[in-house]
N, C-alpha and C. Protein backbone atom coordinates (compact mmCIF):
# COMPACT_ATOMS: atom_id res chain seq x y z
N MET A 1 -83.42 25.09 -65.96
CA MET A 1 -84.58 25.36 -66.79
C MET A 1 -85.27 26.63 -66.31
N ARG A 2 -86.00 27.24 -67.16
CA ARG A 2 -86.71 28.47 -66.80
C ARG A 2 -87.78 28.16 -65.76
N GLY A 3 -88.02 29.14 -64.86
CA GLY A 3 -89.06 29.00 -63.87
C GLY A 3 -88.60 28.36 -62.57
N ARG A 4 -87.38 27.91 -62.50
CA ARG A 4 -86.86 27.30 -61.29
C ARG A 4 -86.01 28.30 -60.54
N LYS A 5 -85.95 28.16 -59.22
CA LYS A 5 -85.17 29.07 -58.41
C LYS A 5 -83.78 28.55 -58.11
N GLU A 6 -83.58 27.23 -58.06
CA GLU A 6 -82.26 26.68 -57.75
C GLU A 6 -81.40 26.69 -59.01
N SER A 7 -80.09 26.72 -58.80
CA SER A 7 -79.19 26.73 -59.96
C SER A 7 -79.07 25.32 -60.50
N CYS A 8 -79.03 25.22 -61.80
CA CYS A 8 -79.00 23.89 -62.41
C CYS A 8 -77.59 23.32 -62.35
N GLY A 9 -77.48 22.01 -62.34
CA GLY A 9 -76.19 21.34 -62.25
C GLY A 9 -75.62 20.98 -63.60
N LYS A 10 -76.43 21.06 -64.65
CA LYS A 10 -75.97 20.68 -65.98
C LYS A 10 -76.01 21.87 -66.92
N TRP A 11 -75.33 21.73 -68.02
CA TRP A 11 -75.25 22.78 -69.03
C TRP A 11 -76.62 22.94 -69.68
N CYS A 12 -77.13 24.14 -69.71
CA CYS A 12 -78.45 24.39 -70.29
C CYS A 12 -78.35 24.37 -71.81
N VAL A 13 -79.39 23.86 -72.46
CA VAL A 13 -79.40 23.80 -73.92
C VAL A 13 -80.53 24.69 -74.44
N ARG A 14 -80.21 25.58 -75.35
CA ARG A 14 -81.12 26.50 -76.04
C ARG A 14 -81.80 27.50 -75.12
N THR A 15 -82.50 27.08 -74.09
CA THR A 15 -83.11 28.04 -73.17
C THR A 15 -82.27 28.09 -71.91
N PHE A 16 -81.92 29.26 -71.49
CA PHE A 16 -81.04 29.42 -70.35
C PHE A 16 -81.82 29.79 -69.10
N CYS A 17 -81.37 29.33 -67.97
CA CYS A 17 -81.99 29.69 -66.69
C CYS A 17 -81.60 31.13 -66.34
N LYS A 18 -82.19 31.65 -65.29
CA LYS A 18 -81.96 33.04 -64.88
C LYS A 18 -80.49 33.28 -64.55
N GLN A 19 -79.88 32.33 -63.85
CA GLN A 19 -78.47 32.47 -63.47
C GLN A 19 -77.57 32.51 -64.70
N HIS A 20 -77.80 31.65 -65.67
CA HIS A 20 -76.95 31.62 -66.85
C HIS A 20 -77.19 32.83 -67.76
N ASN A 21 -78.44 33.32 -67.83
CA ASN A 21 -78.69 34.56 -68.57
C ASN A 21 -77.92 35.72 -67.97
N TYR A 22 -77.90 35.81 -66.64
CA TYR A 22 -77.15 36.86 -65.96
C TYR A 22 -75.66 36.74 -66.25
N GLN A 23 -75.15 35.51 -66.21
CA GLN A 23 -73.73 35.30 -66.48
C GLN A 23 -73.38 35.66 -67.92
N LEU A 24 -74.25 35.37 -68.86
CA LEU A 24 -74.00 35.74 -70.25
C LEU A 24 -73.94 37.25 -70.43
N LYS A 25 -74.84 37.96 -69.75
CA LYS A 25 -74.84 39.42 -69.84
C LYS A 25 -73.57 40.02 -69.26
N LYS A 26 -73.04 39.40 -68.18
CA LYS A 26 -71.81 39.90 -67.56
C LYS A 26 -70.58 39.56 -68.39
N GLY A 27 -70.70 38.58 -69.28
CA GLY A 27 -69.56 38.20 -70.11
C GLY A 27 -68.74 37.07 -69.53
N THR A 28 -69.28 36.38 -68.54
CA THR A 28 -68.53 35.26 -67.97
C THR A 28 -68.64 34.04 -68.86
N ARG A 29 -67.71 33.14 -68.67
CA ARG A 29 -67.67 31.92 -69.46
C ARG A 29 -68.74 30.94 -68.97
N MET A 30 -69.43 30.32 -69.87
CA MET A 30 -70.47 29.37 -69.51
C MET A 30 -69.83 28.06 -69.04
N PRO A 31 -70.45 27.40 -68.07
CA PRO A 31 -69.89 26.13 -67.61
C PRO A 31 -70.06 25.05 -68.67
N ALA A 32 -69.01 24.26 -68.84
CA ALA A 32 -69.05 23.12 -69.75
C ALA A 32 -69.38 21.87 -68.94
N PRO A 33 -70.01 20.88 -69.55
CA PRO A 33 -70.36 19.68 -68.79
C PRO A 33 -69.13 18.84 -68.47
N CYS A 34 -69.15 18.21 -67.29
CA CYS A 34 -68.10 17.27 -66.91
C CYS A 34 -68.13 16.10 -67.89
N ARG A 35 -66.96 15.60 -68.25
CA ARG A 35 -66.88 14.51 -69.21
C ARG A 35 -67.51 13.21 -68.70
N VAL A 36 -67.57 13.06 -67.39
CA VAL A 36 -68.07 11.81 -66.81
C VAL A 36 -69.55 11.92 -66.41
N CYS A 37 -69.88 12.91 -65.59
CA CYS A 37 -71.23 12.96 -65.02
C CYS A 37 -72.12 14.05 -65.60
N GLY A 38 -71.58 15.03 -66.31
CA GLY A 38 -72.38 16.07 -66.93
C GLY A 38 -72.64 17.30 -66.09
N VAL A 39 -72.13 17.38 -64.88
CA VAL A 39 -72.30 18.57 -64.03
C VAL A 39 -71.47 19.70 -64.64
N GLY A 40 -72.01 20.91 -64.60
CA GLY A 40 -71.31 22.05 -65.18
C GLY A 40 -70.06 22.42 -64.41
N VAL A 41 -68.92 22.58 -65.12
CA VAL A 41 -67.65 22.96 -64.52
C VAL A 41 -67.02 24.07 -65.35
N GLN A 42 -66.14 24.87 -64.74
CA GLN A 42 -65.49 25.99 -65.41
C GLN A 42 -64.07 25.69 -65.87
N CYS A 43 -63.50 24.59 -65.45
CA CYS A 43 -62.08 24.31 -65.74
C CYS A 43 -61.89 23.79 -67.17
N ASP A 44 -60.66 23.88 -67.66
CA ASP A 44 -60.35 23.45 -69.02
C ASP A 44 -60.34 21.94 -69.19
N TYR A 45 -59.99 21.22 -68.14
CA TYR A 45 -59.90 19.76 -68.25
C TYR A 45 -61.25 19.08 -68.08
N ARG A 46 -62.31 19.83 -67.80
CA ARG A 46 -63.70 19.40 -67.76
C ARG A 46 -63.95 18.15 -66.92
N LEU A 47 -63.47 18.18 -65.69
CA LEU A 47 -63.78 17.14 -64.71
C LEU A 47 -64.17 17.80 -63.40
N CYS A 48 -65.26 17.32 -62.79
CA CYS A 48 -65.66 17.86 -61.49
C CYS A 48 -64.83 17.18 -60.40
N ARG A 49 -64.92 17.67 -59.19
CA ARG A 49 -64.14 17.11 -58.08
C ARG A 49 -64.43 15.63 -57.86
N GLY A 50 -65.70 15.27 -57.94
CA GLY A 50 -66.08 13.88 -57.69
C GLY A 50 -65.56 12.91 -58.74
N CYS A 51 -65.30 13.41 -59.93
CA CYS A 51 -64.84 12.54 -61.03
C CYS A 51 -63.32 12.58 -61.21
N GLY A 52 -62.60 13.19 -60.30
CA GLY A 52 -61.13 13.21 -60.37
C GLY A 52 -60.53 14.53 -60.78
N GLY A 53 -61.30 15.60 -60.81
CA GLY A 53 -60.78 16.90 -61.21
C GLY A 53 -59.76 17.46 -60.24
N LYS A 54 -59.91 17.14 -58.95
CA LYS A 54 -58.97 17.63 -57.95
C LYS A 54 -57.58 17.03 -58.18
N THR A 55 -57.53 15.74 -58.52
CA THR A 55 -56.26 15.08 -58.79
C THR A 55 -55.58 15.68 -60.01
N VAL A 56 -56.36 15.92 -61.05
CA VAL A 56 -55.81 16.52 -62.28
C VAL A 56 -55.27 17.90 -61.97
N ASN A 57 -56.00 18.69 -61.19
CA ASN A 57 -55.56 20.03 -60.83
C ASN A 57 -54.25 19.99 -60.05
N GLN A 58 -54.11 19.06 -59.11
CA GLN A 58 -52.88 18.94 -58.33
C GLN A 58 -51.71 18.55 -59.22
N ARG A 59 -51.94 17.67 -60.18
CA ARG A 59 -50.86 17.29 -61.11
C ARG A 59 -50.43 18.47 -61.97
N LEU A 60 -51.41 19.25 -62.44
CA LEU A 60 -51.07 20.43 -63.24
C LEU A 60 -50.27 21.44 -62.44
N MET A 61 -50.65 21.66 -61.18
CA MET A 61 -49.89 22.59 -60.33
C MET A 61 -48.47 22.08 -60.12
N TRP A 62 -48.31 20.78 -59.91
CA TRP A 62 -46.98 20.21 -59.71
C TRP A 62 -46.13 20.40 -60.97
N LYS A 63 -46.72 20.17 -62.14
CA LYS A 63 -45.96 20.33 -63.39
C LYS A 63 -45.58 21.79 -63.62
N ARG A 64 -46.48 22.73 -63.27
CA ARG A 64 -46.15 24.15 -63.42
C ARG A 64 -44.99 24.55 -62.52
N LYS A 65 -45.01 24.06 -61.27
CA LYS A 65 -43.92 24.37 -60.34
C LYS A 65 -42.60 23.83 -60.86
N LYS A 66 -42.62 22.59 -61.37
CA LYS A 66 -41.40 21.98 -61.88
C LYS A 66 -40.89 22.74 -63.10
N ALA A 67 -41.78 23.14 -63.99
CA ALA A 67 -41.38 23.88 -65.18
C ALA A 67 -40.79 25.24 -64.80
N LYS A 68 -41.37 25.90 -63.81
CA LYS A 68 -40.85 27.19 -63.36
C LYS A 68 -39.45 27.03 -62.77
N LYS A 69 -39.25 25.97 -61.99
CA LYS A 69 -37.93 25.72 -61.39
C LYS A 69 -36.90 25.42 -62.48
N ASP A 70 -37.28 24.58 -63.45
CA ASP A 70 -36.36 24.26 -64.55
C ASP A 70 -36.02 25.49 -65.37
N PHE A 71 -37.01 26.36 -65.60
CA PHE A 71 -36.77 27.58 -66.37
C PHE A 71 -35.77 28.48 -65.65
N GLU A 72 -35.93 28.60 -64.33
CA GLU A 72 -35.00 29.43 -63.56
C GLU A 72 -33.58 28.88 -63.61
N LEU A 73 -33.44 27.55 -63.55
CA LEU A 73 -32.11 26.94 -63.64
C LEU A 73 -31.48 27.17 -65.00
N VAL A 74 -32.25 27.04 -66.07
CA VAL A 74 -31.73 27.26 -67.41
C VAL A 74 -31.34 28.73 -67.59
N LEU A 75 -32.16 29.62 -67.05
CA LEU A 75 -31.85 31.05 -67.15
C LEU A 75 -30.55 31.39 -66.43
N LEU A 76 -30.35 30.82 -65.24
CA LEU A 76 -29.10 31.04 -64.52
C LEU A 76 -27.90 30.50 -65.28
N GLU A 77 -28.08 29.35 -65.91
CA GLU A 77 -26.98 28.76 -66.68
C GLU A 77 -26.64 29.63 -67.88
N LEU A 78 -27.66 30.15 -68.55
CA LEU A 78 -27.41 31.03 -69.70
C LEU A 78 -26.70 32.31 -69.27
N LYS A 79 -27.11 32.87 -68.13
CA LYS A 79 -26.46 34.08 -67.66
C LYS A 79 -25.00 33.83 -67.30
N SER A 80 -24.73 32.69 -66.69
CA SER A 80 -23.35 32.39 -66.30
C SER A 80 -22.47 32.14 -67.52
N THR A 81 -23.00 31.52 -68.58
CA THR A 81 -22.19 31.31 -69.79
C THR A 81 -21.94 32.60 -70.52
N GLN A 82 -22.87 33.54 -70.45
CA GLN A 82 -22.69 34.85 -71.09
C GLN A 82 -21.64 35.67 -70.36
N LEU A 83 -21.58 35.54 -69.03
CA LEU A 83 -20.59 36.29 -68.25
C LEU A 83 -19.19 35.77 -68.50
N GLU A 84 -19.04 34.49 -68.78
CA GLU A 84 -17.72 33.89 -69.02
C GLU A 84 -17.12 34.35 -70.33
N LYS A 85 -17.94 34.69 -71.29
CA LYS A 85 -17.44 35.12 -72.60
C LYS A 85 -17.01 36.51 -72.53
């Protein structure tokens, strides 16, 4: 809220605090509220650490690693079949 010095933990509505006004001027993305507790977060899955966001992040990283490994294997297979022809 306006007039406060500490940064707010929730998404501001209509009137923005000093920190969020500065972020808007810089062009940064505004924090969205956590789906469970309402604390402002920047991630796409909208969960803070306390509500399980860390677990979701670790799962996403694991899936990205697996997809990258699978892509490399498929690419190698395609290259080897092209060389045989």
